[in-house]
C-alpha atoms as a PDB file:
ATOM      1  CA  MET A   1       9.506 -20.126-107.209  1.00  0.00           C
ATOM      2  CA  ALA A   2      12.904 -19.861-108.982  1.00  0.00           C
ATOM      3  CA  GLN A   3      15.702 -17.919-107.406  1.00  0.00           C
ATOM      4  CA  LEU A   4      17.507 -15.464-109.818  1.00  0.00           C
ATOM      5  CA  ASN A   5      21.098 -14.303-109.558  1.00  0.00           C
ATOM      6  CA  SER A   6      22.001 -11.971-112.371  1.00  0.00           C
ATOM      7  CA  SER A   7      20.401  -9.199-114.249  1.00  0.00           C
ATOM      8  CA  HIS A   8      20.711 -11.485-117.395  1.00  0.00           C
ATOM      9  CA  GLU A   9      18.559 -14.211-115.723  1.00  0.00           C
ATOM     10  CA  ILE A  10      16.072 -11.587-114.633  1.00  0.00           C
ATOM     11  CA  ILE A  11      15.632 -10.215-118.053  1.00  0.00           C
ATOM     12  CA  ASN A  12      15.295 -13.589-119.733  1.00  0.00           C
ATOM     13  CA  SER A  13      12.802 -15.181-117.244  1.00  0.00           C
ATOM     14  CA  CYS A  14      10.660 -12.154-116.617  1.00  0.00           C
ATOM     15  CA  ALA A  15      10.460 -11.083-120.337  1.00  0.00           C
ATOM     16  CA  ARG A  16       8.488 -14.390-120.849  1.00  0.00           C
ATOM     17  CA  ASP A  17       6.111 -13.244-118.206  1.00  0.00           C
ATOM     18  CA  LEU A  18       5.248 -10.001-119.998  1.00  0.00           C
ATOM     19  CA  GLU A  19       3.665 -12.023-122.719  1.00  0.00           C
ATOM     20  CA  GLY A  20       0.959 -13.095-120.493  1.00  0.00           C
ATOM     21  CA  LEU A  21       1.097 -10.286-118.128  1.00  0.00           C
ATOM     22  CA  LYS A  22      -2.635 -10.172-116.935  1.00  0.00           C
ATOM     23  CA  GLN A  23      -3.399 -13.873-117.570  1.00  0.00           C
ATOM     24  CA  ASN A  24      -0.588 -15.665-115.589  1.00  0.00           C
ATOM     25  CA  ILE A  25       2.556 -14.689-113.927  1.00  0.00           C
ATOM     26  CA  ALA A  26       5.198 -17.299-114.351  1.00  0.00           C
ATOM     27  CA  GLN A  27       6.943 -18.739-111.161  1.00  0.00           C
ATOM     28  CA  SER A  28      10.213 -16.943-111.797  1.00  0.00           C
ATOM     29  CA  CYS A  29       8.840 -13.571-111.225  1.00  0.00           C
ATOM     30  CA  ALA A  30       6.708 -12.784-108.153  1.00  0.00           C
ATOM     31  CA  ALA A  31       5.188  -9.673-109.833  1.00  0.00           C
ATOM     32  CA  VAL A  32       5.465  -7.897-113.243  1.00  0.00           C
ATOM     33  CA  LEU A  33       4.232  -4.473-113.676  1.00  0.00           C
ATOM     34  CA  SER A  34       3.796  -3.031-117.105  1.00  0.00           C
ATOM     35  CA  ALA A  35       4.729   0.520-118.032  1.00  0.00           C
ATOM     36  CA  LYS A  36       0.984   1.384-118.023  1.00  0.00           C
ATOM     37  CA  GLU A  37       0.850   0.262-114.381  1.00  0.00           C
ATOM     38  CA  LEU A  38       3.588   2.607-113.293  1.00  0.00           C
ATOM     39  CA  SER A  39       3.041   6.266-112.550  1.00  0.00           C
ATOM     40  CA  ILE A  40       5.211   8.260-115.108  1.00  0.00           C
ATOM     41  CA  VAL A  41       5.315  11.989-114.656  1.00  0.00           C
ATOM     42  CA  TRP A  42       4.012  13.509-117.984  1.00  0.00           C
ATOM     43  CA  GLY A  43       3.402  10.004-119.215  1.00  0.00           C
ATOM     44  CA  SER A  44       0.027  10.841-120.579  1.00  0.00           C
ATOM     45  CA  ASP A  45       1.261  13.917-122.419  1.00  0.00           C
ATOM     46  CA  SER A  46       2.088  12.931-126.044  1.00  0.00           C
ATOM     47  CA  ARG A  47       4.723  15.793-126.226  1.00  0.00           C
ATOM     48  CA  TYR A  48       6.940  13.999-123.723  1.00  0.00           C
ATOM     49  CA  TRP A  49       6.178  10.233-123.786  1.00  0.00           C
ATOM     50  CA  THR A  50       4.623   7.909-126.272  1.00  0.00           C
ATOM     51  CA  THR A  51       3.283   4.398-126.221  1.00  0.00           C
ATOM     52  CA  ALA A  52       5.064   2.109-128.724  1.00  0.00           C
ATOM     53  CA  THR A  53       5.388  -1.563-129.448  1.00  0.00           C
ATOM     54  CA  GLU A  54       8.628  -3.378-128.960  1.00  0.00           C
ATOM     55  CA  THR A  55       9.764  -6.909-129.193  1.00  0.00           C
ATOM     56  CA  ALA A  56       9.926  -8.445-125.667  1.00  0.00           C
ATOM     57  CA  PRO A  57      13.307  -9.597-124.644  1.00  0.00           C
ATOM     58  CA  ASN A  58      14.251 -13.152-125.893  1.00  0.00           C
ATOM     59  CA  SER A  59      10.842 -13.612-127.449  1.00  0.00           C
ATOM     60  CA  ASN A  60       9.123 -12.616-130.707  1.00  0.00           C
ATOM     61  CA  GLN A  61       6.107 -11.365-128.778  1.00  0.00           C
ATOM     62  CA  SER A  62       5.248  -7.787-128.965  1.00  0.00           C
ATOM     63  CA  VAL A  63       4.657  -5.680-125.872  1.00  0.00           C
ATOM     64  CA  ASP A  64       3.567  -2.074-125.148  1.00  0.00           C
ATOM     65  CA  VAL A  65       6.241   0.186-123.845  1.00  0.00           C
ATOM     66  CA  SER A  66       6.516   3.876-122.793  1.00  0.00           C
ATOM     67  CA  GLU A  67       9.195   5.727-124.797  1.00  0.00           C
ATOM     68  CA  LEU A  68      10.479   8.984-123.553  1.00  0.00           C
ATOM     69  CA  ILE A  69      10.587  11.622-126.181  1.00  0.00           C
ATOM     70  CA  GLU A  70      11.826  14.444-124.213  1.00  0.00           C
ATOM     71  CA  VAL A  71      11.336  15.811-120.698  1.00  0.00           C
ATOM     72  CA  CYS A  72      13.016  17.770-118.018  1.00  0.00           C
ATOM     73  CA  TRP A  73      11.360  16.059-115.071  1.00  0.00           C
ATOM     74  CA  LEU A  74      12.117  12.319-115.175  1.00  0.00           C
ATOM     75  CA  GLN A  75      10.047  10.552-112.540  1.00  0.00           C
ATOM     76  CA  ILE A  76       8.795   7.018-112.625  1.00  0.00           C
ATOM     77  CA  ASP A  77       7.012   5.542-109.548  1.00  0.00           C
ATOM     78  CA  GLY A  78       5.565   2.155-108.735  1.00  0.00           C
ATOM     79  CA  LYS A  79       4.096   0.289-105.835  1.00  0.00           C
ATOM     80  CA  TYR A  80       3.042  -3.263-105.050  1.00  0.00           C
ATOM     81  CA  SER A  81       1.248  -4.876-102.161  1.00  0.00           C
ATOM     82  CA  ALA A  82       3.586  -6.844 -99.987  1.00  0.00           C
ATOM     83  CA  SER A  83       0.543  -8.944 -98.982  1.00  0.00           C
ATOM     84  CA  LYS A  84       0.701 -10.649-102.473  1.00  0.00           C
ATOM     85  CA  LEU A  85       4.388 -11.837-101.836  1.00  0.00           C
ATOM     86  CA  ASN A  86       5.533 -14.775 -99.640  1.00  0.00           C
ATOM     87  CA  GLN A  87       6.728 -13.947 -96.211  1.00  0.00           C
ATOM     88  CA  GLY A  88      10.424 -14.622 -95.325  1.00  0.00           C
ATOM     89  CA  VAL A  89      11.426 -14.436 -98.962  1.00  0.00           C
ATOM     90  CA  LYS A  90      14.069 -12.070-100.075  1.00  0.00           C
ATOM     91  CA  TYR A  91      12.873 -10.017-103.257  1.00  0.00           C
ATOM     92  CA  GLY A  92      14.684  -7.639-105.703  1.00  0.00           C
ATOM     93  CA  VAL A  93      12.982  -4.869-107.554  1.00  0.00           C
ATOM     94  CA  TYR A  94      14.100  -3.926-111.061  1.00  0.00           C
ATOM     95  CA  PHE A  95      13.029  -1.637-113.822  1.00  0.00           C
ATOM     96  CA  ILE A  96      13.181  -3.231-117.100  1.00  0.00           C
ATOM     97  CA  VAL A  97      14.335  -0.440-119.770  1.00  0.00           C
ATOM     98  CA  LYS A  98      16.047  -0.101-123.057  1.00  0.00           C
ATOM     99  CA  LEU A  99      18.555   2.674-123.556  1.00  0.00           C
ATOM    100  CA  LYS A 100      18.519   4.015-127.038  1.00  0.00           C
ATOM    101  CA  THR A 101      21.662   5.276-128.858  1.00  0.00           C
ATOM    102  CA  ASN A 102      20.241   8.816-128.582  1.00  0.00           C
ATOM    103  CA  LEU A 103      20.042   8.419-124.652  1.00  0.00           C
ATOM    104  CA  ARG A 104      20.489  11.765-123.034  1.00  0.00           C
ATOM    105  CA  LEU A 105      20.067  11.878-119.242  1.00  0.00           C
ATOM    106  CA  ASN A 106      22.796  14.273-118.230  1.00  0.00           C
ATOM    107  CA  GLY A 107      23.935  12.452-115.248  1.00  0.00           C
ATOM    108  CA  LYS A 108      22.938   9.495-113.067  1.00  0.00           C
ATOM    109  CA  VAL A 109      19.339   8.564-112.181  1.00  0.00           C
ATOM    110  CA  THR A 110      18.410   7.871-108.634  1.00  0.00           C
ATOM    111  CA  LEU A 111      16.686   4.561-107.965  1.00  0.00           C
ATOM    112  CA  LYS A 112      14.801   4.522-104.590  1.00  0.00           C
ATOM    113  CA  LEU A 113      13.167   1.646-102.882  1.00  0.00           C
ATOM    114  CA  THR A 114      10.861   2.134 -99.816  1.00  0.00           C
ATOM    115  CA  ARG A 115      10.582  -1.289 -98.098  1.00  0.00           C
ATOM    116  CA  PRO A 116       7.531  -2.531 -96.402  1.00  0.00           C
ATOM    117  CA  ASP A 117       9.153  -1.755 -93.068  1.00  0.00           C
ATOM    118  CA  GLY A 118       9.466   1.882 -94.096  1.00  0.00           C
ATOM    119  CA  ARG A 119      13.073   1.901 -94.602  1.00  0.00           C
ATOM    120  CA  THR A 120      14.609   3.324 -97.873  1.00  0.00           C
ATOM    121  CA  VAL A 121      17.388   2.219-100.103  1.00  0.00           C
ATOM    122  CA  VAL A 122      18.679   4.796-102.552  1.00  0.00           C
ATOM    123  CA  THR A 123      21.282   4.160-105.205  1.00  0.00           C
ATOM    124  CA  ARG A 124      22.542   6.009-108.348  1.00  0.00           C
ATOM    125  CA  ASP A 125      23.063   4.504-111.722  1.00  0.00           C
ATOM    126  CA  ASP A 126      24.832   6.174-114.542  1.00  0.00           C
ATOM    127  CA  LEU A 127      22.865   4.794-117.437  1.00  0.00           C
ATOM    128  CA  ASP A 128      25.297   6.399-120.022  1.00  0.00           C
ATOM    129  CA  LYS A 129      27.656   3.679-119.078  1.00  0.00           C
ATOM    130  CA  ARG A 130      25.234   0.916-119.724  1.00  0.00           C
ATOM    131  CA  PRO A 131      24.834  -0.941-123.166  1.00  0.00           C
ATOM    132  CA  LYS A 132      22.529   0.620-125.774  1.00  0.00           C
ATOM    133  CA  ASN A 133      19.789  -0.834-127.721  1.00  0.00           C
ATOM    134  CA  THR A 134      19.309  -3.811-125.522  1.00  0.00           C
ATOM    135  CA  TRP A 135      17.062  -4.395-122.526  1.00  0.00           C
ATOM    136  CA  VAL A 136      18.673  -3.771-119.210  1.00  0.00           C
ATOM    137  CA  ALA A 137      17.501  -4.561-115.667  1.00  0.00           C
ATOM    138  CA  LEU A 138      18.154  -1.553-113.293  1.00  0.00           C
ATOM    139  CA  LYS A 139      18.297  -2.870-109.686  1.00  0.00           C
ATOM    140  CA  VAL A 140      16.333  -0.629-107.345  1.00  0.00           C
ATOM    141  CA  GLY A 141      17.026  -2.609-104.149  1.00  0.00           C
ATOM    142  CA  GLU A 142      16.164  -5.687-102.136  1.00  0.00           C
ATOM    143  CA  PHE A 143      13.590  -6.343 -99.284  1.00  0.00           C
ATOM    144  CA  MET A 144      11.979  -9.070 -97.234  1.00  0.00           C
ATOM    145  CA  THR A 145       8.457  -9.201 -95.883  1.00  0.00           C
ATOM    146  CA  ASN A 146       7.213 -10.725 -92.611  1.00  0.00           C
ATOM    147  CA  ALA A 147       4.070 -10.808 -90.486  1.00  0.00           C
ATOM    148  CA  ARG A 148       4.377  -7.206 -89.330  1.00  0.00           C
ATOM    149  CA  THR A 149       5.129  -5.728 -92.784  1.00  0.00           C
ATOM    150  CA  CYS A 150       2.994  -7.902 -95.151  1.00  0.00           C
ATOM    151  CA  HIS A 151       0.040  -5.420 -95.142  1.00  0.00           C
ATOM    152  CA  ARG A 152       1.997  -2.655 -96.497  1.00  0.00           C
ATOM    153  CA  ASN A 153       3.170  -1.496 -99.948  1.00  0.00           C
ATOM    154  CA  VAL A 154       6.681  -1.867-101.532  1.00  0.00           C
ATOM    155  CA  LYS A 155       7.451   1.487-103.312  1.00  0.00           C
ATOM    156  CA  PHE A 156      10.100   2.222-105.905  1.00  0.00           C
ATOM    157  CA  SER A 157      11.087   4.962-108.215  1.00  0.00           C
ATOM    158  CA  MET A 158      13.510   6.177-110.914  1.00  0.00           C
ATOM    159  CA  ASN A 159      14.382   9.967-110.736  1.00  0.00           C
ATOM    160  CA  GLY A 160      16.340  12.095-113.037  1.00  0.00           C
ATOM    161  CA  CYS A 161      14.984  15.518-111.961  1.00  0.00           C
ATOM    162  CA  ASP A 162      17.582  18.166-112.252  1.00  0.00           C
ATOM    163  CA  GLY A 163      14.932  20.187-113.772  1.00  0.00           C
ATOM    164  CA  THR A 164      17.142  22.096-116.212  1.00  0.00           C
ATOM    165  CA  SER A 165      18.379  19.594-118.855  1.00  0.00           C
ATOM    166  CA  TRP A 166      16.267  17.776-121.410  1.00  0.00           C
ATOM    167  CA  LYS A 167      16.256  13.884-121.198  1.00  0.00           C
ATOM    168  CA  SER A 168      15.448  11.378-124.004  1.00  0.00           C
ATOM    169  CA  GLY A 169      16.045   7.962-125.339  1.00  0.00           C
ATOM    170  CA  LEU A 170      14.667   5.819-122.588  1.00  0.00           C
ATOM    171  CA  VAL A 171      12.157   3.008-123.178  1.00  0.00           C
ATOM    172  CA  VAL A 172      10.341   1.449-120.170  1.00  0.00           C
ATOM    173  CA  ILE A 173       8.914  -1.858-120.627  1.00  0.00           C
ATOM    174  CA  GLY A 174       8.028  -1.994-116.820  1.00  0.00           C
ATOM    175  CA  ALA A 175       9.150  -3.373-113.461  1.00  0.00           C
ATOM    176  CA  VAL A 176       9.623  -6.771-111.838  1.00  0.00           C
ATOM    177  CA  ILE A 177       9.709  -8.153-108.415  1.00  0.00           C
ATOM    178  CA  VAL A 178      11.678 -11.414-108.335  1.00  0.00           C
ATOM    179  CA  PRO A 179      13.037 -13.752-105.548  1.00  0.00           C
ATOM    180  CA  VAL A 180      16.792 -13.386-105.172  1.00  0.00           C
ATOM    181  CA  CYS A 181      19.468 -15.449-103.423  1.00  0.00           C
END
């Protein structure tokens, strides 16, 4: 399994995996979760989110994505069984998103990782400062599994829930779990 060092490498290698998401996960990514496999608050309400087709990063393949139309409560959650990962390997969790030119988030998003051992890592990311109209890997955090924690889930989320301002311009392709150095 390849070790990846930068967000650019993660985007390039994992994007290829999105093409055959259910058939075969390439060795560079331990897990790829499509937007449909994530829990997106209001995600099934077409007033707030829509399913669209985008060209996968660094490929000519089309992939389904979830595109934020407008919502006050931005909450995206994911989980993955640590038992499907190799013990003793350090992994990173990333959301793969595109930030449109009409991005409106009104502040930073909170990225939270709950490791298999129950400890949490919380970071904040100002997406307004990220490049627009290109795929971006948002690092949620890193973790390792071992014999005591391999039967638990890794949980991760993106939250922009001030509840008072409308958010728009976010496209979610999914999330990836990759081995990191």
